[in-house]
Amino acid sequence: MPVTIKDIAKEANVSFSTVSKALNDSPLVKEPTKQRILTLAKEMGYEINTSAKILATGQSNAVGIYCPEITEPRYAAYVQEVSRQLKLRGFLPAVATSSFDDAKELFSRLKASCVLVADQNEVNFPNIDFTYNPFSDTSDYTFASQKALKKDAALKAASLLLHSGHRSVLIINEHNDEWLYSLIKRENKFETIHHLPIHTGDPDRFYTYVKAVLDHTMPDVIICSTRKLAEFTLLVSKSLNLHIPQECSLIAYDENTDVASPVSLFGYSTNKAAEMAADFVLSRTNQQEEYYVNLKPEIVINQTIKL
């Protein structure tokens, strides 16, 4: 009977995932552990036979990545990092950015075992073992829903601000996206809450509205629902000779806290989400126990927050 990865894992007293990564020369495994596993695999007579795997299972080591909106920064960053993480685990990432039908044909020809989706809409591909979409609230395999992640990150940021003496807040959000204001108002932690729904499509109007609010009241902190809004607000503050953070702190929610930004951010790490997704694919394709690890909210503090 041929030696399997599970046999090696049992003999080496390590996880299935560690053996798979070591056999694929992943830098995620420490060199001494990797060498011990490789030596043991050789002694046990383990052989990798990709062709046999395709014939036996009808699948290859290809993993489809479907991203119809690749120009969206958060999706682009995720696709780039999850492709890298999949390669480290011995998979062949295949990225499709055109139509659903084109992606379906590509993944079918490559005999992909699974598909990762980077899109808010839930889609399913026929003849694929499973589809995983971290950007959808309805996915069967979502580690934590987008709504839950946003809420946890916002509450963590609010707690930090309150503990550092911020008592009044101005919430700035796009006119049709009031989740942040609704959450802060419902939690009722700040003594004073001001709200400015606004369009970012008109810079002149943006400047006028922000100036009008700040002329009327000066909050301890401005919290924006997007990084773009916060960066616009930072530019306006300089025109108004408002000193950030000495006179007012500034922070924003962003779905990728890994990016460089002139403003402080709260949200979660796209890089960590990609790493978790790659580990999830590895566990699923190797029929391991389900891999569920929730992302944790993160706060990136720079010179726009007074602590």
C-alpha atoms as a PDB file:
ATOM      1  CA  MET A   1       0.000   0.000   0.000  1.00  0.00           C
ATOM      2  CA  PRO A   2       1.493   3.391  -0.998  1.00  0.00           C
ATOM      3  CA  VAL A   3       2.673   5.770   1.689  1.00  0.00           C
ATOM      4  CA  THR A   4       0.446   8.806   2.158  1.00  0.00           C
ATOM      5  CA  ILE A   5       1.005  12.268   3.626  1.00  0.00           C
ATOM      6  CA  LYS A   6      -1.077  11.187   6.607  1.00  0.00           C
ATOM      7  CA  ASP A   7       1.362   8.331   7.260  1.00  0.00           C
ATOM      8  CA  ILE A   8       4.281  10.758   7.253  1.00  0.00           C
ATOM      9  CA  ALA A   9       2.452  13.203   9.528  1.00  0.00           C
ATOM     10  CA  LYS A  10       1.753  10.450  12.042  1.00  0.00           C
ATOM     11  CA  GLU A  11       5.345   9.224  11.997  1.00  0.00           C
ATOM     12  CA  ALA A  12       6.786  12.749  12.275  1.00  0.00           C
ATOM     13  CA  ASN A  13       4.243  13.758  14.936  1.00  0.00           C
ATOM     14  CA  VAL A  14       3.267  16.907  13.035  1.00  0.00           C
ATOM     15  CA  SER A  15       0.103  18.100  11.322  1.00  0.00           C
ATOM     16  CA  PHE A  16      -1.021  17.051   7.872  1.00  0.00           C
ATOM     17  CA  SER A  17      -0.697  20.674   6.778  1.00  0.00           C
ATOM     18  CA  THR A  18       2.928  20.891   7.936  1.00  0.00           C
ATOM     19  CA  VAL A  19       3.905  17.796   5.941  1.00  0.00           C
ATOM     20  CA  SER A  20       2.183  19.096   2.806  1.00  0.00           C
ATOM     21  CA  LYS A  21       3.945  22.455   3.099  1.00  0.00           C
ATOM     22  CA  ALA A  22       7.322  20.793   3.724  1.00  0.00           C
ATOM     23  CA  LEU A  23       6.955  18.522   0.690  1.00  0.00           C
ATOM     24  CA  ASN A  24       6.212  21.603  -1.421  1.00  0.00           C
ATOM     25  CA  ASP A  25       9.300  23.401  -0.073  1.00  0.00           C
ATOM     26  CA  SER A  26       7.234  26.097   1.610  1.00  0.00           C
ATOM     27  CA  PRO A  27       9.157  28.748   3.584  1.00  0.00           C
ATOM     28  CA  LEU A  28       6.312  28.616   6.117  1.00  0.00           C
ATOM     29  CA  VAL A  29       7.953  25.504   7.614  1.00  0.00           C
ATOM     30  CA  LYS A  30      11.164  25.922   9.607  1.00  0.00           C
ATOM     31  CA  GLU A  31      14.168  24.414   7.859  1.00  0.00           C
ATOM     32  CA  PRO A  32      15.030  21.758  10.516  1.00  0.00           C
ATOM     33  CA  THR A  33      11.420  20.527  10.525  1.00  0.00           C
ATOM     34  CA  LYS A  34      11.304  20.545   6.736  1.00  0.00           C
ATOM     35  CA  GLN A  35      14.489  18.509   6.422  1.00  0.00           C
ATOM     36  CA  ARG A  36      13.287  15.995   9.019  1.00  0.00           C
ATOM     37  CA  ILE A  37      10.020  15.512   7.119  1.00  0.00           C
ATOM     38  CA  LEU A  38      11.752  15.209   3.745  1.00  0.00           C
ATOM     39  CA  THR A  39      14.197  12.632   5.128  1.00  0.00           C
ATOM     40  CA  LEU A  40      11.384  10.654   6.709  1.00  0.00           C
ATOM     41  CA  ALA A  41       9.328  10.792   3.507  1.00  0.00           C
ATOM     42  CA  LYS A  42      12.282   9.399   1.548  1.00  0.00           C
ATOM     43  CA  GLU A  43      12.893   6.631   4.074  1.00  0.00           C
ATOM     44  CA  MET A  44       9.215   5.646   3.986  1.00  0.00           C
ATOM     45  CA  GLY A  45       9.247   5.550   0.178  1.00  0.00           C
ATOM     46  CA  TYR A  46       6.797   8.384  -0.394  1.00  0.00           C
ATOM     47  CA  GLU A  47       6.452   9.491  -4.020  1.00  0.00           C
ATOM     48  CA  ILE A  48       4.510  12.402  -5.469  1.00  0.00           C
ATOM     49  CA  ASN A  49       2.540  11.322  -8.521  1.00  0.00           C
ATOM     50  CA  THR A  50       0.520  14.193  -9.893  1.00  0.00           C
ATOM     51  CA  SER A  51      -0.600  12.303 -12.999  1.00  0.00           C
ATOM     52  CA  ALA A  52      -1.896   9.459 -10.887  1.00  0.00           C
ATOM     53  CA  LYS A  53      -3.808  11.927  -8.735  1.00  0.00           C
ATOM     54  CA  ILE A  54      -5.549  13.412 -11.774  1.00  0.00           C
ATOM     55  CA  LEU A  55      -6.442   9.959 -13.106  1.00  0.00           C
ATOM     56  CA  ALA A  56      -7.688   8.785  -9.732  1.00  0.00           C
ATOM     57  CA  THR A  57      -9.609  11.865  -8.663  1.00  0.00           C
ATOM     58  CA  GLY A  58     -10.240  13.717 -11.912  1.00  0.00           C
ATOM     59  CA  GLN A  59      -8.605  16.760 -10.352  1.00  0.00           C
ATOM     60  CA  SER A  60      -5.248  18.509 -10.439  1.00  0.00           C
ATOM     61  CA  ASN A  61      -3.471  20.811  -8.025  1.00  0.00           C
ATOM     62  CA  ALA A  62      -4.999  23.820  -9.797  1.00  0.00           C
ATOM     63  CA  VAL A  63      -7.091  26.206  -7.702  1.00  0.00           C
ATOM     64  CA  GLY A  64      -9.335  28.620  -9.543  1.00  0.00           C
ATOM     65  CA  ILE A  65      -9.524  32.269  -8.454  1.00  0.00           C
ATOM     66  CA  TYR A  66     -12.495  34.143  -9.901  1.00  0.00           C
ATOM     67  CA  CYS A  67     -12.367  37.947  -9.652  1.00  0.00           C
ATOM     68  CA  PRO A  68     -14.628  39.808 -12.121  1.00  0.00           C
ATOM     69  CA  GLU A  69     -13.773  43.180 -10.522  1.00  0.00           C
ATOM     70  CA  ILE A  70      -9.976  42.939 -10.446  1.00  0.00           C
ATOM     71  CA  THR A  71      -9.631  46.738 -10.707  1.00  0.00           C
ATOM     72  CA  GLU A  72     -11.148  47.031  -7.215  1.00  0.00           C
ATOM     73  CA  PRO A  73      -8.120  47.558  -4.905  1.00  0.00           C
ATOM     74  CA  ARG A  74      -9.295  45.238  -2.112  1.00  0.00           C
ATOM     75  CA  TYR A  75      -9.913  42.392  -4.576  1.00  0.00           C
ATOM     76  CA  ALA A  76      -6.642  42.963  -6.427  1.00  0.00           C
ATOM     77  CA  ALA A  77      -4.644  42.867  -3.181  1.00  0.00           C
ATOM     78  CA  TYR A  78      -6.418  39.689  -2.073  1.00  0.00           C
ATOM     79  CA  VAL A  79      -5.913  37.908  -5.412  1.00  0.00           C
ATOM     80  CA  GLN A  80      -2.211  38.748  -5.456  1.00  0.00           C
ATOM     81  CA  GLU A  81      -1.610  37.520  -1.916  1.00  0.00           C
ATOM     82  CA  VAL A  82      -3.807  34.415  -2.063  1.00  0.00           C
ATOM     83  CA  SER A  83      -2.044  33.372  -5.295  1.00  0.00           C
ATOM     84  CA  ARG A  84       1.289  33.617  -3.494  1.00  0.00           C
ATOM     85  CA  GLN A  85       0.008  31.692  -0.489  1.00  0.00           C
ATOM     86  CA  LEU A  86      -1.425  28.920  -2.674  1.00  0.00           C
ATOM     87  CA  LYS A  87       1.904  28.515  -4.480  1.00  0.00           C
ATOM     88  CA  LEU A  88       3.657  28.141  -1.120  1.00  0.00           C
ATOM     89  CA  ARG A  89       1.338  25.212  -0.401  1.00  0.00           C
ATOM     90  CA  GLY A  90       1.999  23.465  -3.694  1.00  0.00           C
ATOM     91  CA  PHE A  91      -1.067  24.609  -5.620  1.00  0.00           C
ATOM     92  CA  LEU A  92      -1.285  26.123  -9.085  1.00  0.00           C
ATOM     93  CA  PRO A  93      -3.421  29.292  -8.886  1.00  0.00           C
ATOM     94  CA  ALA A  94      -5.422  30.069 -12.015  1.00  0.00           C
ATOM     95  CA  VAL A  95      -6.890  33.577 -12.062  1.00  0.00           C
ATOM     96  CA  ALA A  96      -9.935  34.428 -14.181  1.00  0.00           C
ATOM     97  CA  THR A  97     -11.074  38.052 -14.417  1.00  0.00           C
ATOM     98  CA  SER A  98     -13.430  37.967 -17.389  1.00  0.00           C
ATOM     99  CA  SER A  99     -16.924  36.485 -17.648  1.00  0.00           C
ATOM    100  CA  PHE A 100     -18.332  33.691 -15.521  1.00  0.00           C
ATOM    101  CA  ASP A 101     -18.589  31.409 -18.573  1.00  0.00           C
ATOM    102  CA  ASP A 102     -14.928  31.988 -19.474  1.00  0.00           C
ATOM    103  CA  ALA A 103     -13.890  31.260 -15.890  1.00  0.00           C
ATOM    104  CA  LYS A 104     -16.029  28.124 -15.812  1.00  0.00           C
ATOM    105  CA  GLU A 105     -14.384  26.840 -19.008  1.00  0.00           C
ATOM    106  CA  LEU A 106     -10.870  27.606 -17.728  1.00  0.00           C
ATOM    107  CA  PHE A 107     -11.354  25.893 -14.367  1.00  0.00           C
ATOM    108  CA  SER A 108     -12.957  22.894 -16.046  1.00  0.00           C
ATOM    109  CA  ARG A 109     -10.053  22.470 -18.474  1.00  0.00           C
ATOM    110  CA  LEU A 110      -7.548  22.707 -15.617  1.00  0.00           C
ATOM    111  CA  LYS A 111      -9.583  20.211 -13.547  1.00  0.00           C
ATOM    112  CA  ALA A 112      -9.452  22.601 -10.593  1.00  0.00           C
ATOM    113  CA  SER A 113     -10.427  21.033  -7.284  1.00  0.00           C
ATOM    114  CA  CYS A 114     -11.872  24.251  -5.886  1.00  0.00           C
ATOM    115  CA  VAL A 115     -12.493  27.914  -6.679  1.00  0.00           C
ATOM    116  CA  LEU A 116     -11.861  30.993  -4.553  1.00  0.00           C
ATOM    117  CA  VAL A 117     -14.170  33.889  -5.374  1.00  0.00           C
ATOM    118  CA  ALA A 118     -13.247  37.530  -4.818  1.00  0.00           C
ATOM    119  CA  ASP A 119     -16.583  39.257  -5.280  1.00  0.00           C
ATOM    120  CA  GLN A 120     -19.553  40.327  -3.150  1.00  0.00           C
ATOM    121  CA  ASN A 121     -21.891  38.120  -5.172  1.00  0.00           C
ATOM    122  CA  GLU A 122     -22.094  34.426  -4.389  1.00  0.00           C
ATOM    123  CA  VAL A 123     -21.404  32.169  -7.399  1.00  0.00           C
ATOM    124  CA  ASN A 124     -21.040  28.414  -7.774  1.00  0.00           C
ATOM    125  CA  PHE A 125     -19.122  26.488 -10.382  1.00  0.00           C
ATOM    126  CA  PRO A 126     -20.344  23.093 -11.624  1.00  0.00           C
ATOM    127  CA  ASN A 127     -18.153  20.001 -11.163  1.00  0.00           C
ATOM    128  CA  ILE A 128     -16.061  21.760  -8.520  1.00  0.00           C
ATOM    129  CA  ASP A 129     -15.705  20.222  -5.050  1.00  0.00           C
ATOM    130  CA  PHE A 130     -16.266  23.477  -3.242  1.00  0.00           C
ATOM    131  CA  THR A 131     -16.283  27.232  -3.736  1.00  0.00           C
ATOM    132  CA  TYR A 132     -15.048  29.629  -1.068  1.00  0.00           C
ATOM    133  CA  ASN A 133     -15.870  33.347  -1.015  1.00  0.00           C
ATOM    134  CA  PRO A 134     -14.550  35.431   1.914  1.00  0.00           C
ATOM    135  CA  PHE A 135     -16.280  38.539   0.546  1.00  0.00           C
ATOM    136  CA  SER A 136     -19.814  37.158   0.722  1.00  0.00           C
ATOM    137  CA  ASP A 137     -22.069  37.059   3.772  1.00  0.00           C
ATOM    138  CA  THR A 138     -23.862  33.994   2.396  1.00  0.00           C
ATOM    139  CA  SER A 139     -20.892  31.730   1.671  1.00  0.00           C
ATOM    140  CA  ASP A 140     -21.010  28.336   3.421  1.00  0.00           C
ATOM    141  CA  TYR A 141     -17.315  28.623   4.255  1.00  0.00           C
ATOM    142  CA  THR A 142     -16.950  32.288   5.223  1.00  0.00           C
ATOM    143  CA  PHE A 143     -14.691  32.600   8.280  1.00  0.00           C
ATOM    144  CA  ALA A 144     -16.604  35.640   9.494  1.00  0.00           C
ATOM    145  CA  SER A 145     -19.140  37.725   7.619  1.00  0.00           C
ATOM    146  CA  GLN A 146     -18.176  41.121   6.275  1.00  0.00           C
ATOM    147  CA  LYS A 147     -20.809  42.753   8.495  1.00  0.00           C
ATOM    148  CA  ALA A 148     -19.409  41.088  11.610  1.00  0.00           C
ATOM    149  CA  LEU A 149     -15.845  42.046  10.726  1.00  0.00           C
ATOM    150  CA  LYS A 150     -16.793  45.689  10.132  1.00  0.00           C
ATOM    151  CA  LYS A 151     -18.720  45.858  13.387  1.00  0.00           C
ATOM    152  CA  ASP A 152     -15.945  44.281  15.469  1.00  0.00           C
ATOM    153  CA  ALA A 153     -13.313  46.548  13.938  1.00  0.00           C
ATOM    154  CA  ALA A 154     -15.414  49.691  14.501  1.00  0.00           C
ATOM    155  CA  LEU A 155     -16.140  48.799  18.124  1.00  0.00           C
ATOM    156  CA  LYS A 156     -12.477  48.081  18.784  1.00  0.00           C
ATOM    157  CA  ALA A 157     -11.519  51.461  17.314  1.00  0.00           C
ATOM    158  CA  ALA A 158     -14.243  53.227  19.322  1.00  0.00           C
ATOM    159  CA  SER A 159     -13.020  51.597  22.518  1.00  0.00           C
ATOM    160  CA  LEU A 160      -9.452  52.730  21.851  1.00  0.00           C
ATOM    161  CA  LEU A 161     -10.588  56.286  21.156  1.00  0.00           C
ATOM    162  CA  LEU A 162     -12.724  56.457  24.292  1.00  0.00           C
ATOM    163  CA  HIS A 163      -9.916  55.131  26.478  1.00  0.00           C
ATOM    164  CA  SER A 164      -7.588  57.782  25.053  1.00  0.00           C
ATOM    165  CA  GLY A 165      -9.939  60.639  25.996  1.00  0.00           C
ATOM    166  CA  HIS A 166     -12.020  61.200  22.848  1.00  0.00           C
ATOM    167  CA  ARG A 167     -15.553  62.139  23.890  1.00  0.00           C
ATOM    168  CA  SER A 168     -17.121  63.815  20.839  1.00  0.00           C
ATOM    169  CA  VAL A 169     -17.101  62.343  17.345  1.00  0.00           C
ATOM    170  CA  LEU A 170     -17.966  63.353  13.795  1.00  0.00           C
ATOM    171  CA  ILE A 171     -18.946  60.454  11.527  1.00  0.00           C
ATOM    172  CA  ILE A 172     -18.405  61.087   7.808  1.00  0.00           C
ATOM    173  CA  ASN A 173     -19.806  58.572   5.345  1.00  0.00           C
ATOM    174  CA  GLU A 174     -21.006  58.292   1.767  1.00  0.00           C
ATOM    175  CA  HIS A 175     -24.635  59.436   1.570  1.00  0.00           C
ATOM    176  CA  ASN A 176     -25.922  55.904   0.889  1.00  0.00           C
ATOM    177  CA  ASP A 177     -23.691  53.965   3.305  1.00  0.00           C
ATOM    178  CA  GLU A 178     -24.538  54.750   6.915  1.00  0.00           C
ATOM    179  CA  TRP A 179     -23.516  51.500   8.640  1.00  0.00           C
ATOM    180  CA  LEU A 180     -20.799  53.209  10.698  1.00  0.00           C
ATOM    181  CA  TYR A 181     -23.004  56.063  11.920  1.00  0.00           C
ATOM    182  CA  SER A 182     -25.834  53.645  12.769  1.00  0.00           C
ATOM    183  CA  LEU A 183     -23.466  51.434  14.754  1.00  0.00           C
ATOM    184  CA  ILE A 184     -21.821  54.264  16.715  1.00  0.00           C
ATOM    185  CA  LYS A 185     -25.199  55.863  17.445  1.00  0.00           C
ATOM    186  CA  ARG A 186     -26.717  52.562  18.574  1.00  0.00           C
ATOM    187  CA  GLU A 187     -23.798  51.771  20.888  1.00  0.00           C
ATOM    188  CA  ASN A 188     -24.061  55.307  22.344  1.00  0.00           C
ATOM    189  CA  LYS A 189     -20.549  55.353  23.811  1.00  0.00           C
ATOM    190  CA  PHE A 190     -19.532  58.900  22.847  1.00  0.00           C
ATOM    191  CA  GLU A 191     -20.957  61.912  24.684  1.00  0.00           C
ATOM    192  CA  THR A 192     -21.624  63.820  21.446  1.00  0.00           C
ATOM    193  CA  ILE A 193     -22.130  62.360  17.963  1.00  0.00           C
ATOM    194  CA  HIS A 194     -22.245  64.494  14.817  1.00  0.00           C
ATOM    195  CA  HIS A 195     -23.028  63.079  11.390  1.00  0.00           C
ATOM    196  CA  LEU A 196     -22.123  64.177   7.858  1.00  0.00           C
ATOM    197  CA  PRO A 197     -23.385  62.060   4.927  1.00  0.00           C
ATOM    198  CA  ILE A 198     -21.634  63.287   1.807  1.00  0.00           C
ATOM    199  CA  HIS A 199     -20.814  62.680  -1.876  1.00  0.00           C
ATOM    200  CA  THR A 200     -17.132  62.234  -2.730  1.00  0.00           C
ATOM    201  CA  GLY A 201     -17.755  62.825  -6.436  1.00  0.00           C
ATOM    202  CA  ASP A 202     -17.654  66.612  -6.033  1.00  0.00           C
ATOM    203  CA  PRO A 203     -14.458  67.802  -4.240  1.00  0.00           C
ATOM    204  CA  ASP A 204     -15.647  71.420  -4.021  1.00  0.00           C
ATOM    205  CA  ARG A 205     -18.895  70.438  -2.339  1.00  0.00           C
ATOM    206  CA  PHE A 206     -17.008  68.046  -0.065  1.00  0.00           C
ATOM    207  CA  TYR A 207     -14.754  70.900   1.069  1.00  0.00           C
ATOM    208  CA  THR A 208     -17.733  73.214   1.634  1.00  0.00           C
ATOM    209  CA  TYR A 209     -19.686  70.695   3.705  1.00  0.00           C
ATOM    210  CA  VAL A 210     -16.745  69.612   5.874  1.00  0.00           C
ATOM    211  CA  LYS A 211     -15.757  73.253   6.465  1.00  0.00           C
ATOM    212  CA  ALA A 212     -19.321  74.163   7.460  1.00  0.00           C
ATOM    213  CA  VAL A 213     -19.469  71.366  10.035  1.00  0.00           C
ATOM    214  CA  LEU A 214     -16.042  72.125  11.504  1.00  0.00           C
ATOM    215  CA  ASP A 215     -16.819  75.840  11.688  1.00  0.00           C
ATOM    216  CA  HIS A 216     -19.842  74.948  13.798  1.00  0.00           C
ATOM    217  CA  THR A 217     -18.297  72.296  16.041  1.00  0.00           C
ATOM    218  CA  MET A 218     -14.872  70.800  16.685  1.00  0.00           C
ATOM    219  CA  PRO A 219     -15.061  67.080  17.559  1.00  0.00           C
ATOM    220  CA  ASP A 220     -12.328  65.197  19.387  1.00  0.00           C
ATOM    221  CA  VAL A 221     -12.155  62.721  16.511  1.00  0.00           C
ATOM    222  CA  ILE A 222     -13.422  62.328  12.955  1.00  0.00           C
ATOM    223  CA  ILE A 223     -14.240  58.748  11.963  1.00  0.00           C
ATOM    224  CA  CYS A 224     -14.746  58.089   8.239  1.00  0.00           C
ATOM    225  CA  SER A 225     -16.416  55.035   6.744  1.00  0.00           C
ATOM    226  CA  THR A 226     -13.737  54.747   4.028  1.00  0.00           C
ATOM    227  CA  ARG A 227     -10.055  55.537   3.659  1.00  0.00           C
ATOM    228  CA  LYS A 228     -10.846  57.731   0.646  1.00  0.00           C
ATOM    229  CA  LEU A 229     -13.135  59.945   2.746  1.00  0.00           C
ATOM    230  CA  ALA A 230     -10.490  60.257   5.464  1.00  0.00           C
ATOM    231  CA  GLU A 231      -7.777  61.210   3.007  1.00  0.00           C
ATOM    232  CA  PHE A 232     -10.082  63.877   1.516  1.00  0.00           C
ATOM    233  CA  THR A 233     -10.808  65.127   5.039  1.00  0.00           C
ATOM    234  CA  LEU A 234      -7.082  65.295   5.794  1.00  0.00           C
ATOM    235  CA  LEU A 235      -6.575  67.534   2.749  1.00  0.00           C
ATOM    236  CA  VAL A 236      -9.461  69.771   3.827  1.00  0.00           C
ATOM    237  CA  SER A 237      -8.046  70.042   7.354  1.00  0.00           C
ATOM    238  CA  LYS A 238      -4.772  71.366   5.964  1.00  0.00           C
ATOM    239  CA  SER A 239      -6.643  74.019   3.961  1.00  0.00           C
ATOM    240  CA  LEU A 240      -8.503  75.032   7.127  1.00  0.00           C
ATOM    241  CA  ASN A 241      -5.282  75.124   9.172  1.00  0.00           C
ATOM    242  CA  LEU A 242      -6.738  72.418  11.397  1.00  0.00           C
ATOM    243  CA  HIS A 243      -3.912  70.563  13.107  1.00  0.00           C
ATOM    244  CA  ILE A 244      -4.364  66.791  13.032  1.00  0.00           C
ATOM    245  CA  PRO A 245      -4.139  65.185  15.590  1.00  0.00           C
ATOM    246  CA  GLN A 246      -3.379  68.025  18.051  1.00  0.00           C
ATOM    247  CA  GLU A 247      -6.830  69.592  17.625  1.00  0.00           C
ATOM    248  CA  CYS A 248      -8.736  66.628  16.230  1.00  0.00           C
ATOM    249  CA  SER A 249      -7.893  62.973  15.578  1.00  0.00           C
ATOM    250  CA  LEU A 250      -8.734  61.256  12.283  1.00  0.00           C
ATOM    251  CA  ILE A 251      -9.289  57.549  11.565  1.00  0.00           C
ATOM    252  CA  ALA A 252     -11.095  55.487   8.905  1.00  0.00           C
ATOM    253  CA  TYR A 253     -12.405  52.016   8.197  1.00  0.00           C
ATOM    254  CA  ASP A 254     -10.685  50.122   5.403  1.00  0.00           C
ATOM    255  CA  GLU A 255     -11.043  46.569   4.158  1.00  0.00           C
ATOM    256  CA  ASN A 256      -7.290  46.251   3.792  1.00  0.00           C
ATOM    257  CA  THR A 257      -5.188  47.548   6.668  1.00  0.00           C
ATOM    258  CA  ASP A 258      -2.020  46.329   4.929  1.00  0.00           C
ATOM    259  CA  VAL A 259      -1.936  49.323   2.558  1.00  0.00           C
ATOM    260  CA  ALA A 260       0.130  52.428   3.260  1.00  0.00           C
ATOM    261  CA  SER A 261      -2.062  55.375   4.209  1.00  0.00           C
ATOM    262  CA  PRO A 262      -1.531  58.883   5.609  1.00  0.00           C
ATOM    263  CA  VAL A 263      -4.445  58.290   8.018  1.00  0.00           C
ATOM    264  CA  SER A 264      -4.969  55.778  10.802  1.00  0.00           C
ATOM    265  CA  LEU A 265      -7.079  52.764   9.847  1.00  0.00           C
ATOM    266  CA  PHE A 266      -9.237  50.110  11.448  1.00  0.00           C
ATOM    267  CA  GLY A 267     -10.412  46.985   9.657  1.00  0.00           C
ATOM    268  CA  TYR A 268      -8.690  43.706   8.947  1.00  0.00           C
ATOM    269  CA  SER A 269      -5.658  42.379   7.097  1.00  0.00           C
ATOM    270  CA  THR A 270      -6.183  41.173   3.539  1.00  0.00           C
ATOM    271  CA  ASN A 271      -2.872  39.313   3.752  1.00  0.00           C
ATOM    272  CA  LYS A 272      -4.072  37.326   6.753  1.00  0.00           C
ATOM    273  CA  ALA A 273      -7.381  36.629   5.031  1.00  0.00           C
ATOM    274  CA  ALA A 274      -5.482  35.254   2.026  1.00  0.00           C
ATOM    275  CA  GLU A 275      -3.270  33.079   4.223  1.00  0.00           C
ATOM    276  CA  MET A 276      -6.312  31.657   6.002  1.00  0.00           C
ATOM    277  CA  ALA A 277      -8.022  30.966   2.682  1.00  0.00           C
ATOM    278  CA  ALA A 278      -4.972  29.057   1.411  1.00  0.00           C
ATOM    279  CA  ASP A 279      -4.839  26.982   4.595  1.00  0.00           C
ATOM    280  CA  PHE A 280      -8.558  26.324   4.273  1.00  0.00           C
ATOM    281  CA  VAL A 281      -8.100  25.068   0.706  1.00  0.00           C
ATOM    282  CA  LEU A 282      -5.241  22.830   1.835  1.00  0.00           C
ATOM    283  CA  SER A 283      -7.296  21.276   4.630  1.00  0.00           C
ATOM    284  CA  ARG A 284     -10.352  20.769   2.438  1.00  0.00           C
ATOM    285  CA  THR A 285      -8.537  19.243  -0.523  1.00  0.00           C
ATOM    286  CA  ASN A 286      -6.670  16.883   1.786  1.00  0.00           C
ATOM    287  CA  GLN A 287      -9.904  15.911   3.531  1.00  0.00           C
ATOM    288  CA  GLN A 288      -8.781  17.200   6.876  1.00  0.00           C
ATOM    289  CA  GLU A 289     -10.981  18.456   9.658  1.00  0.00           C
ATOM    290  CA  GLU A 290     -12.744  21.700   8.699  1.00  0.00           C
ATOM    291  CA  TYR A 291     -10.573  24.776   9.124  1.00  0.00           C
ATOM    292  CA  TYR A 292     -12.424  27.671  10.714  1.00  0.00           C
ATOM    293  CA  VAL A 293     -10.440  30.616  12.075  1.00  0.00           C
ATOM    294  CA  ASN A 294     -12.038  34.019  12.378  1.00  0.00           C
ATOM    295  CA  LEU A 295     -10.155  37.100  11.334  1.00  0.00           C
ATOM    296  CA  LYS A 296      -9.508  39.583  14.098  1.00  0.00           C
ATOM    297  CA  PRO A 297     -10.009  43.327  13.695  1.00  0.00           C
ATOM    298  CA  GLU A 298      -6.856  45.399  13.444  1.00  0.00           C
ATOM    299  CA  ILE A 299      -6.024  49.048  14.061  1.00  0.00           C
ATOM    300  CA  VAL A 300      -3.116  50.763  12.327  1.00  0.00           C
ATOM    301  CA  ILE A 301      -2.189  53.902  14.235  1.00  0.00           C
ATOM    302  CA  ASN A 302      -0.082  56.672  12.725  1.00  0.00           C
ATOM    303  CA  GLN A 303       0.255  60.411  13.206  1.00  0.00           C
ATOM    304  CA  THR A 304      -3.475  61.173  12.833  1.00  0.00           C
ATOM    305  CA  ILE A 305      -4.533  59.825  16.224  1.00  0.00           C
ATOM    306  CA  LYS A 306      -3.828  61.557  19.539  1.00  0.00           C
ATOM    307  CA  LEU A 307      -3.281  58.934  22.217  1.00  0.00           C
END
